[in-house]
Amino acid sequence: MAWGHLSYVRRNLVESRRLMVEIGLKWTIWSVERKFFFFRETPLTVWLGGAYIAPQRGRRRRQRQSDASLSY
């Protein structure tokens, strides 16, 4: 009797895991679709500008951090 209960629990675990996988797949597909839509809608100049601005911002932040660590 106890073994029957165990197999029932195991079957439920498998079912819930499958459900989680399905939900995760749906979520990833949805987020990827959203990203692609964003890429397609954004003009190329914005991407080039972001690619140019982002490293500058990162470099400035690193510079500030090194200055702060020197002053301490």
PDB file of N, CA and C in Angstrom:
ATOM      1  N   MET A   1       0.839  -1.202   0.000  1.00  0.00           N
ATOM      2  CA  MET A   1       0.000   0.000   0.000  1.00  0.00           C
ATOM      3  C   MET A   1       0.880   1.261   0.000  1.00  0.00           C
ATOM      4  N   ALA A   2       1.902   1.253   0.857  1.00  0.00           N
ATOM      5  CA  ALA A   2       2.797   2.414   0.909  1.00  0.00           C
ATOM      6  C   ALA A   2       3.507   2.605  -0.425  1.00  0.00           C
ATOM      7  N   TRP A   3       3.852   1.462  -1.071  1.00  0.00           N
ATOM      8  CA  TRP A   3       4.567   1.585  -2.352  1.00  0.00           C
ATOM      9  C   TRP A   3       3.677   2.209  -3.418  1.00  0.00           C
ATOM     10  N   GLY A   4       2.384   1.845  -3.380  1.00  0.00           N
ATOM     11  CA  GLY A   4       1.462   2.447  -4.339  1.00  0.00           C
ATOM     12  C   GLY A   4       1.418   3.957  -4.164  1.00  0.00           C
ATOM     13  N   HIS A   5       1.405   4.385  -2.899  1.00  0.00           N
ATOM     14  CA  HIS A   5       1.377   5.817  -2.624  1.00  0.00           C
ATOM     15  C   HIS A   5       2.643   6.489  -3.161  1.00  0.00           C
ATOM     16  N   LEU A   6       3.795   5.812  -2.964  1.00  0.00           N
ATOM     17  CA  LEU A   6       5.062   6.370  -3.427  1.00  0.00           C
ATOM     18  C   LEU A   6       5.049   6.567  -4.942  1.00  0.00           C
ATOM     19  N   SER A   7       4.587   5.544  -5.655  1.00  0.00           N
ATOM     20  CA  SER A   7       4.575   5.656  -7.114  1.00  0.00           C
ATOM     21  C   SER A   7       3.628   6.779  -7.544  1.00  0.00           C
ATOM     22  N   TYR A   8       2.542   6.962  -6.791  1.00  0.00           N
ATOM     23  CA  TYR A   8       1.605   8.048  -7.102  1.00  0.00           C
ATOM     24  C   TYR A   8       2.302   9.402  -6.945  1.00  0.00           C
ATOM     25  N   VAL A   9       3.053   9.536  -5.844  1.00  0.00           N
ATOM     26  CA  VAL A   9       3.773  10.793  -5.608  1.00  0.00           C
ATOM     27  C   VAL A   9       4.791  11.016  -6.716  1.00  0.00           C
ATOM     28  N   ARG A  10       5.494   9.929  -7.091  1.00  0.00           N
ATOM     29  CA  ARG A  10       6.517  10.065  -8.124  1.00  0.00           C
ATOM     30  C   ARG A  10       5.877  10.505  -9.444  1.00  0.00           C
ATOM     31  N   ARG A  11       4.706   9.920  -9.756  1.00  0.00           N
ATOM     32  CA  ARG A  11       4.036  10.291 -10.998  1.00  0.00           C
ATOM     33  C   ARG A  11       3.650  11.782 -10.963  1.00  0.00           C
ATOM     34  N   ASN A  12       3.186  12.234  -9.806  1.00  0.00           N
ATOM     35  CA  ASN A  12       2.823  13.647  -9.683  1.00  0.00           C
ATOM     36  C   ASN A  12       4.042  14.540  -9.869  1.00  0.00           C
ATOM     37  N   LEU A  13       5.189  14.121  -9.310  1.00  0.00           N
ATOM     38  CA  LEU A  13       6.412  14.896  -9.473  1.00  0.00           C
ATOM     39  C   LEU A  13       6.763  15.026 -10.946  1.00  0.00           C
ATOM     40  N   VAL A  14       6.685  13.902 -11.669  1.00  0.00           N
ATOM     41  CA  VAL A  14       7.006  13.930 -13.095  1.00  0.00           C
ATOM     42  C   VAL A  14       6.058  14.866 -13.818  1.00  0.00           C
ATOM     43  N   GLU A  15       4.766  14.794 -13.481  1.00  0.00           N
ATOM     44  CA  GLU A  15       3.779  15.656 -14.134  1.00  0.00           C
ATOM     45  C   GLU A  15       4.094  17.131 -13.868  1.00  0.00           C
ATOM     46  N   SER A  16       4.362  17.466 -12.599  1.00  0.00           N
ATOM     47  CA  SER A  16       4.614  18.869 -12.266  1.00  0.00           C
ATOM     48  C   SER A  16       5.893  19.346 -12.941  1.00  0.00           C
ATOM     49  N   ARG A  17       6.902  18.451 -13.011  1.00  0.00           N
ATOM     50  CA  ARG A  17       8.145  18.836 -13.665  1.00  0.00           C
ATOM     51  C   ARG A  17       7.893  19.118 -15.147  1.00  0.00           C
ATOM     52  N   ARG A  18       7.083  18.255 -15.779  1.00  0.00           N
ATOM     53  CA  ARG A  18       6.778  18.466 -17.192  1.00  0.00           C
ATOM     54  C   ARG A  18       6.047  19.795 -17.377  1.00  0.00           C
ATOM     55  N   LEU A  19       5.122  20.084 -16.453  1.00  0.00           N
ATOM     56  CA  LEU A  19       4.386  21.343 -16.527  1.00  0.00           C
ATOM     57  C   LEU A  19       5.344  22.524 -16.394  1.00  0.00           C
ATOM     58  N   MET A  20       6.292  22.433 -15.447  1.00  0.00           N
ATOM     59  CA  MET A  20       7.262  23.504 -15.254  1.00  0.00           C
ATOM     60  C   MET A  20       8.092  23.705 -16.512  1.00  0.00           C
ATOM     61  N   VAL A  21       8.506  22.602 -17.135  1.00  0.00           N
ATOM     62  CA  VAL A  21       9.310  22.700 -18.361  1.00  0.00           C
ATOM     63  C   VAL A  21       8.508  23.389 -19.452  1.00  0.00           C
ATOM     64  N   GLU A  22       7.224  23.002 -19.577  1.00  0.00           N
ATOM     65  CA  GLU A  22       6.383  23.629 -20.601  1.00  0.00           C
ATOM     66  C   GLU A  22       6.246  25.123 -20.352  1.00  0.00           C
ATOM     67  N   ILE A  23       6.011  25.493 -19.090  1.00  0.00           N
ATOM     68  CA  ILE A  23       5.862  26.914 -18.764  1.00  0.00           C
ATOM     69  C   ILE A  23       7.164  27.650 -19.064  1.00  0.00           C
ATOM     70  N   GLY A  24       8.297  27.045 -18.691  1.00  0.00           N
ATOM     71  CA  GLY A  24       9.586  27.676 -18.950  1.00  0.00           C
ATOM     72  C   GLY A  24       9.831  27.864 -20.430  1.00  0.00           C
ATOM     73  N   LEU A  25       9.484  26.845 -21.227  1.00  0.00           N
ATOM     74  CA  LEU A  25       9.667  26.954 -22.678  1.00  0.00           C
ATOM     75  C   LEU A  25       8.820  28.093 -23.234  1.00  0.00           C
ATOM     76  N   LYS A  26       7.544  28.136 -22.795  1.00  0.00           N
ATOM     77  CA  LYS A  26       6.672  29.213 -23.268  1.00  0.00           C
ATOM     78  C   LYS A  26       7.257  30.569 -22.903  1.00  0.00           C
ATOM     79  N   TRP A  27       7.742  30.686 -21.667  1.00  0.00           N
ATOM     80  CA  TRP A  27       8.281  31.963 -21.205  1.00  0.00           C
ATOM     81  C   TRP A  27       9.499  32.368 -22.026  1.00  0.00           C
ATOM     82  N   THR A  28      10.428  31.416 -22.258  1.00  0.00           N
ATOM     83  CA  THR A  28      11.637  31.761 -23.006  1.00  0.00           C
ATOM     84  C   THR A  28      11.278  32.144 -24.436  1.00  0.00           C
ATOM     85  N   ILE A  29      10.367  31.386 -25.056  1.00  0.00           N
ATOM     86  CA  ILE A  29       9.970  31.712 -26.429  1.00  0.00           C
ATOM     87  C   ILE A  29       9.365  33.106 -26.473  1.00  0.00           C
ATOM     88  N   TRP A  30       8.516  33.422 -25.478  1.00  0.00           N
ATOM     89  CA  TRP A  30       7.860  34.724 -25.454  1.00  0.00           C
ATOM     90  C   TRP A  30       8.884  35.842 -25.281  1.00  0.00           C
ATOM     91  N   SER A  31       9.839  35.675 -24.360  1.00  0.00           N
ATOM     92  CA  SER A  31      10.825  36.728 -24.123  1.00  0.00           C
ATOM     93  C   SER A  31      11.728  36.893 -25.338  1.00  0.00           C
ATOM     94  N   VAL A  32      12.103  35.777 -25.992  1.00  0.00           N
ATOM     95  CA  VAL A  32      12.946  35.873 -27.187  1.00  0.00           C
ATOM     96  C   VAL A  32      12.197  36.606 -28.290  1.00  0.00           C
ATOM     97  N   GLU A  33      10.892  36.291 -28.440  1.00  0.00           N
ATOM     98  CA  GLU A  33      10.091  36.993 -29.441  1.00  0.00           C
ATOM     99  C   GLU A  33      10.057  38.485 -29.148  1.00  0.00           C
ATOM    100  N   ARG A  34       9.889  38.835 -27.888  1.00  0.00           N
ATOM    101  CA  ARG A  34       9.843  40.249 -27.520  1.00  0.00           C
ATOM    102  C   ARG A  34      11.168  40.923 -27.854  1.00  0.00           C
ATOM    103  N   LYS A  35      12.290  40.255 -27.533  1.00  0.00           N
ATOM    104  CA  LYS A  35      13.599  40.842 -27.820  1.00  0.00           C
ATOM    105  C   LYS A  35      13.771  41.060 -29.313  1.00  0.00           C
ATOM    106  N   PHE A  36      13.397  40.055 -30.112  1.00  0.00           N
ATOM    107  CA  PHE A  36      13.548  40.187 -31.557  1.00  0.00           C
ATOM    108  C   PHE A  36      12.690  41.334 -32.078  1.00  0.00           C
ATOM    109  N   PHE A  37      11.486  41.460 -31.535  1.00  0.00           N
ATOM    110  CA  PHE A  37      10.612  42.561 -31.944  1.00  0.00           C
ATOM    111  C   PHE A  37      11.282  43.895 -31.633  1.00  0.00           C
ATOM    112  N   PHE A  38      11.887  43.974 -30.452  1.00  0.00           N
ATOM    113  CA  PHE A  38      12.581  45.198 -30.035  1.00  0.00           C
ATOM    114  C   PHE A  38      13.742  45.497 -30.983  1.00  0.00           C
ATOM    115  N   PHE A  39      14.529  44.455 -31.303  1.00  0.00           N
ATOM    116  CA  PHE A  39      15.653  44.642 -32.227  1.00  0.00           C
ATOM    117  C   PHE A  39      15.156  45.152 -33.570  1.00  0.00           C
ATOM    118  N   ARG A  40      14.076  44.545 -34.058  1.00  0.00           N
ATOM    119  CA  ARG A  40      13.587  44.888 -35.386  1.00  0.00           C
ATOM    120  C   ARG A  40      13.040  46.322 -35.406  1.00  0.00           C
ATOM    121  N   GLU A  41      12.404  46.741 -34.308  1.00  0.00           N
ATOM    122  CA  GLU A  41      11.758  48.050 -34.291  1.00  0.00           C
ATOM    123  C   GLU A  41      12.759  49.180 -34.062  1.00  0.00           C
ATOM    124  N   THR A  42      13.898  48.877 -33.418  1.00  0.00           N
ATOM    125  CA  THR A  42      14.835  49.940 -33.075  1.00  0.00           C
ATOM    126  C   THR A  42      15.712  50.275 -34.272  1.00  0.00           C
ATOM    127  N   PRO A  43      15.866  51.543 -34.606  1.00  0.00           N
ATOM    128  CA  PRO A  43      16.706  51.907 -35.745  1.00  0.00           C
ATOM    129  C   PRO A  43      18.174  51.592 -35.498  1.00  0.00           C
ATOM    130  N   LEU A  44      18.920  51.425 -36.587  1.00  0.00           N
ATOM    131  CA  LEU A  44      20.320  51.013 -36.492  1.00  0.00           C
ATOM    132  C   LEU A  44      21.159  52.079 -35.805  1.00  0.00           C
ATOM    133  N   THR A  45      20.836  53.347 -36.015  1.00  0.00           N
ATOM    134  CA  THR A  45      21.639  54.414 -35.414  1.00  0.00           C
ATOM    135  C   THR A  45      21.587  54.337 -33.889  1.00  0.00           C
ATOM    136  N   VAL A  46      20.428  53.962 -33.341  1.00  0.00           N
ATOM    137  CA  VAL A  46      20.310  53.842 -31.884  1.00  0.00           C
ATOM    138  C   VAL A  46      21.238  52.750 -31.383  1.00  0.00           C
ATOM    139  N   TRP A  47      21.296  51.618 -32.104  1.00  0.00           N
ATOM    140  CA  TRP A  47      22.168  50.518 -31.664  1.00  0.00           C
ATOM    141  C   TRP A  47      23.624  50.934 -31.742  1.00  0.00           C
ATOM    142  N   LEU A  48      23.994  51.615 -32.845  1.00  0.00           N
ATOM    143  CA  LEU A  48      25.383  52.067 -32.986  1.00  0.00           C
ATOM    144  C   LEU A  48      25.719  53.067 -31.884  1.00  0.00           C
ATOM    145  N   GLY A  49      24.791  53.983 -31.613  1.00  0.00           N
ATOM    146  CA  GLY A  49      25.027  54.947 -30.548  1.00  0.00           C
ATOM    147  C   GLY A  49      25.174  54.266 -29.200  1.00  0.00           C
ATOM    148  N   GLY A  50      24.313  53.285 -28.921  1.00  0.00           N
ATOM    149  CA  GLY A  50      24.418  52.560 -27.659  1.00  0.00           C
ATOM    150  C   GLY A  50      25.723  51.796 -27.563  1.00  0.00           C
ATOM    151  N   ALA A  51      26.151  51.201 -28.679  1.00  0.00           N
ATOM    152  CA  ALA A  51      27.407  50.456 -28.678  1.00  0.00           C
ATOM    153  C   ALA A  51      28.577  51.399 -28.440  1.00  0.00           C
ATOM    154  N   TYR A  52      28.424  52.656 -28.860  1.00  0.00           N
ATOM    155  CA  TYR A  52      29.507  53.621 -28.646  1.00  0.00           C
ATOM    156  C   TYR A  52      29.472  54.177 -27.226  1.00  0.00           C
ATOM    157  N   ILE A  53      28.258  54.435 -26.712  1.00  0.00           N
ATOM    158  CA  ILE A  53      28.129  55.098 -25.410  1.00  0.00           C
ATOM    159  C   ILE A  53      28.427  54.127 -24.265  1.00  0.00           C
ATOM    160  N   ALA A  54      27.958  52.878 -24.393  1.00  0.00           N
ATOM    161  CA  ALA A  54      28.052  51.937 -23.272  1.00  0.00           C
ATOM    162  C   ALA A  54      29.495  51.720 -22.804  1.00  0.00           C
ATOM    163  N   PRO A  55      30.477  51.466 -23.700  1.00  0.00           N
ATOM    164  CA  PRO A  55      31.851  51.276 -23.220  1.00  0.00           C
ATOM    165  C   PRO A  55      32.388  52.522 -22.527  1.00  0.00           C
ATOM    166  N   GLN A  56      32.041  53.709 -23.043  1.00  0.00           N
ATOM    167  CA  GLN A  56      32.507  54.949 -22.420  1.00  0.00           C
ATOM    168  C   GLN A  56      32.008  55.026 -20.980  1.00  0.00           C
ATOM    169  N   ARG A  57      30.701  54.749 -20.806  1.00  0.00           N
ATOM    170  CA  ARG A  57      30.121  54.825 -19.471  1.00  0.00           C
ATOM    171  C   ARG A  57      30.818  53.838 -18.540  1.00  0.00           C
ATOM    172  N   GLY A  58      31.049  52.616 -19.038  1.00  0.00           N
ATOM    173  CA  GLY A  58      31.709  51.602 -18.213  1.00  0.00           C
ATOM    174  C   GLY A  58      33.115  52.021 -17.838  1.00  0.00           C
ATOM    175  N   ARG A  59      33.836  52.619 -18.801  1.00  0.00           N
ATOM    176  CA  ARG A  59      35.210  53.035 -18.535  1.00  0.00           C
ATOM    177  C   ARG A  59      35.217  54.118 -17.471  1.00  0.00           C
ATOM    178  N   ARG A  60      34.279  55.074 -17.581  1.00  0.00           N
ATOM    179  CA  ARG A  60      34.236  56.162 -16.617  1.00  0.00           C
ATOM    180  C   ARG A  60      33.968  55.611 -15.222  1.00  0.00           C
ATOM    181  N   ARG A  61      33.039  54.643 -15.124  1.00  0.00           N
ATOM    182  CA  ARG A  61      32.708  54.078 -13.822  1.00  0.00           C
ATOM    183  C   ARG A  61      33.933  53.378 -13.231  1.00  0.00           C
ATOM    184  N   ARG A  62      34.656  52.627 -14.072  1.00  0.00           N
ATOM    185  CA  ARG A  62      35.856  51.943 -13.586  1.00  0.00           C
ATOM    186  C   ARG A  62      36.884  52.953 -13.104  1.00  0.00           C
ATOM    187  N   GLN A  63      37.012  54.065 -13.832  1.00  0.00           N
ATOM    188  CA  GLN A  63      37.966  55.099 -13.436  1.00  0.00           C
ATOM    189  C   GLN A  63      37.598  55.649 -12.059  1.00  0.00           C
ATOM    190  N   ARG A  64      36.306  55.930 -11.856  1.00  0.00           N
ATOM    191  CA  ARG A  64      35.852  56.453 -10.569  1.00  0.00           C
ATOM    192  C   ARG A  64      36.139  55.458  -9.457  1.00  0.00           C
ATOM    193  N   GLN A  65      35.899  54.179  -9.732  1.00  0.00           N
ATOM    194  CA  GLN A  65      36.123  53.163  -8.702  1.00  0.00           C
ATOM    195  C   GLN A  65      37.597  53.107  -8.320  1.00  0.00           C
ATOM    196  N   SER A  66      38.487  53.185  -9.311  1.00  0.00           N
ATOM    197  CA  SER A  66      39.913  53.101  -9.007  1.00  0.00           C
ATOM    198  C   SER A  66      40.344  54.342  -8.224  1.00  0.00           C
ATOM    199  N   ASP A  67      39.782  55.510  -8.567  1.00  0.00           N
ATOM    200  CA  ASP A  67      40.101  56.715  -7.805  1.00  0.00           C
ATOM    201  C   ASP A  67      39.668  56.551  -6.351  1.00  0.00           C
ATOM    202  N   ALA A  68      38.462  56.026  -6.154  1.00  0.00           N
ATOM    203  CA  ALA A  68      37.947  55.855  -4.797  1.00  0.00           C
ATOM    204  C   ALA A  68      38.828  54.884  -4.016  1.00  0.00           C
ATOM    205  N   SER A  69      39.257  53.807  -4.661  1.00  0.00           N
ATOM    206  CA  SER A  69      40.068  52.821  -3.944  1.00  0.00           C
ATOM    207  C   SER A  69      41.433  53.416  -3.607  1.00  0.00           C
ATOM    208  N   LEU A  70      41.955  54.329  -4.436  1.00  0.00           N
ATOM    209  CA  LEU A  70      43.239  54.965  -4.139  1.00  0.00           C
ATOM    210  C   LEU A  70      43.108  55.902  -2.940  1.00  0.00           C
ATOM    211  N   SER A  71      41.975  56.609  -2.832  1.00  0.00           N
ATOM    212  CA  SER A  71      41.828  57.604  -1.775  1.00  0.00           C
ATOM    213  C   SER A  71      41.661  56.934  -0.409  1.00  0.00           C
ATOM    214  N   TYR A  72      41.192  55.686  -0.353  1.00  0.00           N
ATOM    215  CA  TYR A  72      40.979  55.038   0.948  1.00  0.00           C
ATOM    216  C   TYR A  72      42.274  54.506   1.520  1.00  0.00           C
TER     217      TYR A  72
END
